[in-house]
N, C-alpha and C. Protein backbone atom coordinates (compact mmCIF):
# COMPACT_ATOMS: atom_id res chain seq x y z
N LYS A 1 0.96 -1.26 -0.09
CA LYS A 1 -0.02 0.11 0.14
C LYS A 1 0.81 1.10 0.06
N THR A 2 0.56 2.24 -0.88
CA THR A 2 1.39 3.40 -1.03
C THR A 2 1.01 4.34 0.11
N LYS A 3 1.98 5.04 0.71
CA LYS A 3 1.60 6.13 1.71
C LYS A 3 2.04 7.37 1.07
N ILE A 4 1.27 8.24 1.33
CA ILE A 4 1.80 9.86 0.88
C ILE A 4 2.44 10.47 2.08
N PHE A 5 3.34 11.23 1.48
CA PHE A 5 3.93 12.27 2.45
C PHE A 5 3.57 13.55 2.57
N PHE A 6 3.08 14.11 3.80
CA PHE A 6 2.67 15.29 3.88
C PHE A 6 3.74 16.15 4.60
N ILE A 7 4.12 17.60 4.14
CA ILE A 7 5.08 18.36 4.73
C ILE A 7 4.28 19.38 5.35
N VAL A 8 4.10 19.45 6.67
CA VAL A 8 3.34 20.50 7.22
C VAL A 8 4.03 21.41 8.17
N GLY A 9 3.44 22.45 8.49
CA GLY A 9 4.16 23.46 9.45
C GLY A 9 3.46 23.37 10.63
N TYR A 10 3.87 24.26 11.79
CA TYR A 10 3.17 24.27 13.04
C TYR A 10 1.76 24.32 13.15
N ASP A 11 1.38 25.65 12.46
CA ASP A 11 -0.02 26.06 12.20
C ASP A 11 -0.86 24.84 11.81
N THR A 12 -0.30 24.01 10.78
CA THR A 12 -1.26 22.83 10.27
C THR A 12 -1.31 21.85 11.11
N ILE A 13 -0.34 21.55 11.82
CA ILE A 13 -0.31 20.17 12.80
C ILE A 13 -1.22 20.77 13.92
N ILE A 14 -1.38 21.97 14.40
CA ILE A 14 -2.28 22.30 15.26
C ILE A 14 -3.71 22.20 14.84
N ARG A 15 -3.98 22.43 13.45
CA ARG A 15 -5.04 22.19 13.02
C ARG A 15 -5.79 20.99 12.95
N ILE A 16 -4.65 20.04 12.37
CA ILE A 16 -4.91 18.68 12.36
C ILE A 16 -5.29 18.03 13.82
N LEU A 17 -4.59 18.39 14.76
CA LEU A 17 -5.00 18.05 16.10
C LEU A 17 -6.28 18.49 16.89
N ASP A 18 -6.51 19.64 16.20
CA ASP A 18 -7.76 20.57 16.94
C ASP A 18 -8.96 19.40 17.05
N LYS A 19 -9.43 19.39 18.26
CA LYS A 19 -10.66 18.44 18.43
C LYS A 19 -11.93 18.92 17.89
N LYS A 20 -12.04 20.25 17.43
CA LYS A 20 -13.24 20.64 17.03
C LYS A 20 -13.51 20.21 15.58
N TYR A 21 -12.58 19.60 14.94
CA TYR A 21 -12.55 19.36 13.46
C TYR A 21 -13.31 17.75 13.32
N TYR A 22 -13.44 17.01 14.41
CA TYR A 22 -13.92 15.70 14.22
C TYR A 22 -14.99 15.07 15.10
N LYS A 23 -15.69 14.18 14.45
CA LYS A 23 -17.02 13.62 15.01
C LYS A 23 -16.38 12.67 16.07
N ASN A 24 -15.19 11.73 15.30
CA ASN A 24 -14.76 10.70 15.99
C ASN A 24 -13.22 10.95 15.83
N ARG A 25 -12.50 11.92 16.67
CA ARG A 25 -11.22 12.04 16.53
C ARG A 25 -10.30 11.15 16.56
N LYS A 26 -10.29 10.13 17.20
CA LYS A 26 -9.37 9.08 17.45
C LYS A 26 -9.60 8.30 16.22
N LYS A 27 -10.52 7.80 15.87
CA LYS A 27 -10.82 6.95 14.69
C LYS A 27 -10.10 7.83 13.28
N SER A 28 -10.55 9.06 13.37
CA SER A 28 -10.10 9.84 12.04
C SER A 28 -8.51 9.86 12.10
N LEU A 29 -7.98 10.53 13.36
CA LEU A 29 -6.59 10.69 13.25
C LEU A 29 -5.72 9.26 13.37
N ASP A 30 -6.26 8.10 13.53
CA ASP A 30 -5.43 6.85 13.61
C ASP A 30 -5.86 6.54 12.15
N ARG A 31 -6.78 6.70 11.54
CA ARG A 31 -6.55 6.45 9.93
C ARG A 31 -5.56 7.42 9.23
N LEU A 32 -5.56 8.59 9.49
CA LEU A 32 -4.88 9.69 8.93
C LEU A 32 -3.23 9.24 9.20
N PHE A 33 -2.91 8.87 10.36
CA PHE A 33 -1.51 8.58 10.84
C PHE A 33 -1.09 7.31 10.23
N ASN A 34 -2.05 6.26 10.24
CA ASN A 34 -1.58 5.18 9.33
C ASN A 34 -1.42 5.15 7.87
N SER A 35 -2.28 6.16 7.53
CA SER A 35 -2.15 6.06 5.72
C SER A 35 -1.14 7.08 5.18
N CYS A 36 -0.58 7.79 5.94
CA CYS A 36 0.63 8.61 5.49
C CYS A 36 1.56 9.03 6.39
N PHE A 37 2.60 9.61 6.03
CA PHE A 37 3.81 10.17 6.76
C PHE A 37 3.58 11.62 7.02
N ILE A 38 3.60 12.29 8.03
CA ILE A 38 3.51 13.42 8.20
C ILE A 38 4.70 14.17 8.70
N ILE A 39 5.35 15.09 8.11
CA ILE A 39 6.62 15.54 8.32
C ILE A 39 6.27 16.84 8.76
N VAL A 40 6.73 17.32 10.11
CA VAL A 40 6.32 18.55 10.63
C VAL A 40 7.66 19.55 10.69
N ALA A 41 7.35 20.64 10.13
CA ALA A 41 8.64 21.66 10.05
C ALA A 41 8.28 22.98 11.02
N ASN A 42 9.46 23.29 11.61
CA ASN A 42 9.20 24.41 12.45
C ASN A 42 8.79 25.58 11.44
N ARG A 43 8.21 26.48 12.31
CA ARG A 43 7.60 27.79 11.26
C ARG A 43 8.00 28.90 12.24
N ASN A 44 8.45 29.81 11.54
CA ASN A 44 8.69 31.04 12.32
C ASN A 44 9.17 31.27 13.42
N ASP A 45 8.67 31.44 14.55
CA ASP A 45 9.07 31.38 16.00
C ASP A 45 8.82 30.13 16.53
N ARG A 46 8.22 29.33 16.11
CA ARG A 46 7.75 27.94 16.56
C ARG A 46 8.82 26.94 16.15
N THR A 47 9.43 26.46 17.18
CA THR A 47 10.84 25.48 17.19
C THR A 47 10.36 23.81 17.21
N ILE A 48 11.36 23.06 17.01
CA ILE A 48 10.92 21.77 16.91
C ILE A 48 10.54 21.36 18.41
N GLU A 49 11.01 21.97 19.19
CA GLU A 49 10.65 21.83 20.83
C GLU A 49 9.28 21.86 21.03
N ASP A 50 8.69 23.11 20.37
CA ASP A 50 7.21 23.47 20.25
C ASP A 50 6.44 22.47 19.71
N ILE A 51 7.03 21.62 18.68
CA ILE A 51 6.19 20.72 17.99
C ILE A 51 6.18 19.42 18.94
N LYS A 52 7.29 19.09 19.48
CA LYS A 52 7.44 17.99 20.45
C LYS A 52 6.44 18.00 21.73
N ASP A 53 6.41 19.42 22.17
CA ASP A 53 5.35 19.56 23.30
C ASP A 53 3.79 19.26 22.80
N LEU A 54 3.51 19.62 21.47
CA LEU A 54 2.38 19.31 21.29
C LEU A 54 1.92 17.86 21.50
N PHE A 55 2.71 16.85 21.25
CA PHE A 55 2.72 15.42 21.19
C PHE A 55 2.92 14.79 22.74
N LYS A 56 3.26 15.83 23.52
CA LYS A 56 3.53 15.32 25.06
C LYS A 56 1.99 15.44 25.72
N LYS A 57 1.00 16.12 25.24
CA LYS A 57 -0.52 16.36 25.66
C LYS A 57 -1.04 14.88 25.53
N PRO A 58 -1.78 14.42 26.62
CA PRO A 58 -2.44 13.28 26.67
C PRO A 58 -3.15 12.86 25.50
N GLU A 59 -3.98 13.76 24.91
CA GLU A 59 -4.77 13.49 23.85
C GLU A 59 -3.84 13.27 22.61
N ASN A 60 -2.64 13.63 22.52
CA ASN A 60 -1.73 13.47 21.19
C ASN A 60 -0.71 12.48 21.43
N ILE A 61 -0.49 12.07 22.78
CA ILE A 61 0.70 11.19 22.69
C ILE A 61 0.81 9.89 21.89
N HIS A 62 -0.47 9.49 21.53
CA HIS A 62 -0.52 8.23 20.80
C HIS A 62 0.06 8.49 19.31
N TYR A 63 0.21 9.74 18.88
CA TYR A 63 0.68 10.04 17.62
C TYR A 63 2.20 10.46 17.45
N LYS A 64 2.84 10.60 18.74
CA LYS A 64 3.99 10.95 18.74
C LYS A 64 5.15 10.34 17.88
N ASP A 65 5.06 8.98 17.77
CA ASP A 65 5.67 8.35 16.92
C ASP A 65 5.38 8.05 15.57
N LYS A 66 4.45 8.94 15.21
CA LYS A 66 3.77 8.79 13.94
C LYS A 66 4.23 9.84 13.13
N ILE A 67 5.03 10.82 13.70
CA ILE A 67 5.30 12.05 12.82
C ILE A 67 6.82 11.99 12.67
N TYR A 68 7.30 12.91 11.67
CA TYR A 68 8.89 12.95 11.45
C TYR A 68 9.03 14.62 11.81
N LEU A 69 10.16 15.10 12.16
CA LEU A 69 10.46 16.45 12.54
C LEU A 69 11.54 16.97 11.36
N LEU A 70 11.15 18.16 10.78
CA LEU A 70 12.28 18.81 9.91
C LEU A 70 12.48 20.00 10.43
N LYS A 71 13.81 20.04 10.50
CA LYS A 71 14.15 21.32 11.11
C LYS A 71 14.62 22.30 10.11
N LEU A 72 13.98 23.34 9.79
CA LEU A 72 14.33 24.27 8.83
C LEU A 72 15.34 25.45 9.37
N SER A 73 16.28 25.98 8.63
CA SER A 73 16.85 27.10 9.07
C SER A 73 16.08 28.24 9.45
N SER A 74 16.56 29.17 10.14
CA SER A 74 15.51 30.22 10.70
C SER A 74 15.17 31.19 9.41
N PHE A 75 16.30 30.96 8.51
CA PHE A 75 15.93 31.84 7.26
C PHE A 75 14.74 31.21 6.63
N THR A 76 14.98 29.92 6.25
CA THR A 76 13.83 29.32 5.52
C THR A 76 12.35 29.13 6.47
N ALA A 77 12.57 29.18 7.68
CA ALA A 77 11.20 28.87 8.43
C ALA A 77 10.31 30.15 8.16
N LYS A 78 11.07 31.24 8.04
CA LYS A 78 10.11 32.52 7.83
C LYS A 78 9.40 32.53 6.63
N ILE A 79 9.64 31.77 5.74
CA ILE A 79 9.28 32.00 4.29
C ILE A 79 7.91 30.96 4.25
N SER A 80 6.68 31.77 3.93
CA SER A 80 5.66 30.91 3.75
C SER A 80 5.00 30.93 2.25
N SER A 81 4.23 29.79 2.12
CA SER A 81 3.73 29.92 0.72
C SER A 81 2.74 30.99 0.42
N THR A 82 2.21 31.26 1.68
CA THR A 82 1.26 32.49 1.31
C THR A 82 2.01 33.79 0.75
N LEU A 83 3.28 34.10 1.56
CA LEU A 83 3.98 35.26 1.19
C LEU A 83 4.46 35.10 -0.16
N ILE A 84 5.04 33.87 -0.76
CA ILE A 84 5.38 33.82 -2.05
C ILE A 84 4.25 34.02 -3.19
N ARG A 85 3.13 33.49 -2.74
CA ARG A 85 1.78 33.71 -3.66
C ARG A 85 1.44 34.98 -3.71
N GLU A 86 1.42 35.64 -2.59
CA GLU A 86 1.00 37.06 -2.72
C GLU A 86 1.97 37.84 -3.46
N ASN A 87 3.15 37.74 -3.36
CA ASN A 87 4.20 38.40 -3.79
C ASN A 87 4.11 38.25 -5.48
N VAL A 88 4.04 37.04 -5.60
CA VAL A 88 3.76 36.66 -7.46
C VAL A 88 2.69 37.49 -7.93
N LYS A 89 1.69 37.28 -7.08
CA LYS A 89 0.40 38.02 -7.83
C LYS A 89 0.57 39.53 -7.94
N LYS A 90 1.30 39.94 -6.86
CA LYS A 90 1.55 41.56 -6.87
C LYS A 90 2.70 41.91 -8.07
N ASN A 91 3.40 40.65 -8.56
CA ASN A 91 4.58 40.93 -9.54
C ASN A 91 5.85 41.60 -8.90
N LYS A 92 5.97 40.98 -7.60
CA LYS A 92 6.91 41.41 -6.85
C LYS A 92 8.09 40.37 -6.87
N PRO A 93 9.25 40.69 -6.82
CA PRO A 93 10.31 39.65 -7.03
C PRO A 93 10.27 38.76 -5.58
N ILE A 94 10.55 37.52 -5.81
CA ILE A 94 10.67 36.59 -4.39
C ILE A 94 11.90 36.02 -4.39
N ASN A 95 13.02 36.39 -5.34
CA ASN A 95 14.20 36.00 -5.12
C ASN A 95 15.06 36.40 -3.75
N LYS A 96 14.80 37.41 -3.28
CA LYS A 96 15.36 37.95 -2.10
C LYS A 96 15.27 36.80 -0.82
N TYR A 97 14.23 36.13 -0.83
CA TYR A 97 13.78 35.23 0.40
C TYR A 97 13.62 34.04 0.14
N ALA A 98 13.10 33.45 -1.26
CA ALA A 98 12.73 32.23 -1.76
C ALA A 98 14.20 31.57 -2.25
N PRO A 99 14.17 30.33 -1.72
CA PRO A 99 15.39 29.59 -2.21
C PRO A 99 15.41 29.40 -3.74
N SER A 100 16.50 29.50 -4.43
CA SER A 100 16.57 29.39 -5.97
C SER A 100 15.89 28.32 -6.33
N GLU A 101 15.85 27.15 -5.86
CA GLU A 101 15.15 25.98 -6.32
C GLU A 101 13.41 26.36 -6.25
N VAL A 102 13.00 27.20 -5.39
CA VAL A 102 11.53 27.56 -5.38
C VAL A 102 11.42 28.44 -6.50
N VAL A 103 12.03 29.37 -6.71
CA VAL A 103 11.76 30.20 -7.80
C VAL A 103 11.90 29.55 -9.16
N LYS A 104 12.82 28.83 -9.23
CA LYS A 104 13.00 28.00 -10.48
C LYS A 104 11.63 26.92 -10.85
N PHE A 105 11.23 26.52 -9.81
CA PHE A 105 9.97 25.50 -10.04
C PHE A 105 8.89 26.48 -10.13
N ILE A 106 8.82 27.52 -9.61
CA ILE A 106 7.57 28.50 -9.95
C ILE A 106 7.66 28.92 -11.52
N LYS A 107 8.77 29.51 -11.83
CA LYS A 107 9.04 29.70 -13.07
C LYS A 107 8.54 28.67 -14.32
N GLU A 108 9.41 27.43 -14.01
CA GLU A 108 9.08 26.24 -14.79
C GLU A 108 7.75 25.74 -14.80
N THR A 109 7.02 25.74 -13.68
CA THR A 109 5.58 25.33 -13.76
C THR A 109 4.54 26.46 -14.13
N GLY A 110 4.98 27.68 -14.04
CA GLY A 110 3.77 28.57 -14.21
C GLY A 110 2.76 28.49 -13.01
N LEU A 111 3.30 28.01 -12.16
CA LEU A 111 2.29 27.78 -10.82
C LEU A 111 1.28 28.86 -10.66
N TYR A 112 1.58 30.10 -10.65
CA TYR A 112 0.53 31.21 -10.37
C TYR A 112 0.34 32.04 -11.88
N LEU A 113 0.28 31.35 -12.92
CA LEU A 113 -0.11 31.90 -14.25
C LEU A 113 -1.41 31.11 -14.61
N ASP A 114 -2.13 31.91 -15.55
CA ASP A 114 -3.40 31.39 -15.94
C ASP A 114 -2.99 30.79 -17.12
N GLU A 115 -3.87 30.18 -18.11
CA GLU A 115 -3.58 29.69 -19.50
C GLU A 115 -2.88 30.54 -20.31
N ASN A 116 -3.22 31.78 -20.25
CA ASN A 116 -2.56 32.98 -21.21
C ASN A 116 -1.44 33.49 -20.57
N ASN A 117 -0.84 32.70 -19.54
CA ASN A 117 0.53 33.39 -18.94
C ASN A 117 0.25 34.73 -18.36
N ASN A 118 -0.91 35.11 -17.77
CA ASN A 118 -1.20 36.28 -17.03
C ASN A 118 -1.23 35.81 -15.65
N LYS A 119 -0.62 36.78 -14.72
CA LYS A 119 -1.02 36.82 -13.25
C LYS A 119 -2.39 36.56 -12.96
N THR A 120 -2.62 35.65 -12.11
CA THR A 120 -4.02 35.42 -11.84
C THR A 120 -4.40 35.68 -10.43
N ASN A 121 -5.71 35.70 -10.11
CA ASN A 121 -6.04 35.97 -8.88
C ASN A 121 -6.33 34.42 -8.00
N LEU A 122 -5.79 33.36 -8.77
CA LEU A 122 -5.69 32.18 -8.09
C LEU A 122 -7.04 31.45 -8.38
N LYS A 123 -8.20 31.97 -8.92
CA LYS A 123 -9.33 31.12 -9.19
C LYS A 123 -8.88 30.16 -10.34
N LYS A 124 -8.06 30.54 -11.10
CA LYS A 124 -7.46 29.36 -12.01
C LYS A 124 -6.05 29.24 -11.84
N VAL A 125 -5.49 28.04 -11.69
CA VAL A 125 -4.11 28.07 -11.63
C VAL A 125 -3.67 26.56 -12.61
N LYS A 126 -2.59 27.09 -13.36
CA LYS A 126 -2.13 26.28 -14.25
C LYS A 126 -1.08 25.28 -13.73
N LEU A 127 -1.10 23.98 -13.66
CA LEU A 127 -0.24 23.11 -13.22
C LEU A 127 0.13 22.12 -14.21
N PRO A 128 1.23 21.67 -14.20
CA PRO A 128 1.87 20.47 -14.89
C PRO A 128 1.34 19.31 -14.39
N SER A 129 1.45 18.19 -15.22
CA SER A 129 0.93 16.90 -14.61
C SER A 129 1.41 16.36 -13.43
N TYR A 130 0.56 15.71 -12.65
CA TYR A 130 1.09 15.25 -11.32
C TYR A 130 2.56 14.58 -11.43
N LYS A 131 2.78 13.74 -12.36
CA LYS A 131 3.91 13.17 -12.44
C LYS A 131 4.99 13.97 -12.59
N SER A 132 5.03 15.18 -13.40
CA SER A 132 6.11 16.17 -13.28
C SER A 132 6.39 17.03 -12.25
N ARG A 133 5.04 17.25 -11.60
CA ARG A 133 5.29 18.07 -10.39
C ARG A 133 5.90 17.15 -9.28
N LYS A 134 5.59 15.90 -8.84
CA LYS A 134 6.00 14.94 -8.19
C LYS A 134 7.63 14.84 -8.42
N GLU A 135 7.98 14.80 -9.68
CA GLU A 135 9.46 14.48 -9.89
C GLU A 135 9.99 15.99 -9.59
N LYS A 136 9.49 16.92 -9.68
CA LYS A 136 10.12 18.23 -9.28
C LYS A 136 10.35 18.25 -7.78
N MET A 137 9.22 17.94 -7.07
CA MET A 137 9.17 18.18 -5.78
C MET A 137 10.31 17.12 -5.11
N VAL A 138 10.32 15.93 -5.45
CA VAL A 138 11.43 14.90 -4.90
C VAL A 138 12.68 15.56 -5.19
N HIS A 139 12.98 16.04 -6.39
CA HIS A 139 14.29 16.60 -6.81
C HIS A 139 14.50 17.82 -5.67
N LEU A 140 13.58 18.57 -5.64
CA LEU A 140 13.56 19.81 -4.68
C LEU A 140 14.01 19.44 -3.23
N PHE A 141 13.40 18.33 -2.51
CA PHE A 141 13.32 18.09 -1.20
C PHE A 141 14.23 16.94 -0.71
N LYS A 142 14.66 16.06 -1.88
CA LYS A 142 15.49 14.76 -1.51
C LYS A 142 16.59 15.06 -0.69
N SER A 143 17.55 16.02 -1.09
CA SER A 143 18.66 15.99 -0.31
C SER A 143 18.69 16.89 0.72
N TYR A 144 17.67 17.80 0.81
CA TYR A 144 17.46 18.59 1.94
C TYR A 144 16.81 17.72 3.22
N LEU A 145 15.97 16.87 2.81
CA LEU A 145 15.20 15.95 4.05
C LEU A 145 16.26 15.04 4.22
N SER A 146 17.08 14.62 3.69
CA SER A 146 17.91 13.68 4.12
C SER A 146 18.87 14.08 5.21
N ASP A 147 19.34 15.28 4.99
CA ASP A 147 20.22 15.90 5.95
C ASP A 147 19.55 16.59 7.18
N ASN A 148 18.17 16.83 7.01
CA ASN A 148 17.46 17.66 8.33
C ASN A 148 16.38 16.83 8.86
N LEU A 149 16.12 15.50 8.51
CA LEU A 149 14.91 14.76 8.97
C LEU A 149 15.23 14.03 10.30
N SER A 150 14.51 14.05 11.28
CA SER A 150 14.85 13.40 12.45
C SER A 150 13.50 12.91 12.92
N SER A 151 13.47 11.85 13.65
CA SER A 151 12.18 11.26 14.41
C SER A 151 12.14 11.56 16.00
């Protein structure tokens, strides 16, 4: 059975663990954590220790061995997809804070362009095939993950 990898930040793992989203939280989270790998990265001022603390809570302790921790540099941890998306929409350069691989990926895929290569309000997003995106993302994260992944 194939498992999917999700790379999420601190805010997203908070939402995943939030009790208000589930009718049957344990059943839902068991299914989620058993069907995919969840890699949680530090974000902004949230550290790896902050993430570990979430899984010390009694309602989350069952899942602590089901996540992997990704430590991002302080420079990278400040960059959000929202920041990049908003600046691309405003036609502002992203080279000053986005890694060159991300800039290259956005240019190659036309990620935030519509079918006429115009900036879009994101109602329409042109994406290459799933296979092509997967290959690019694997290339982008492979070496970084191997150097920075811990459990």
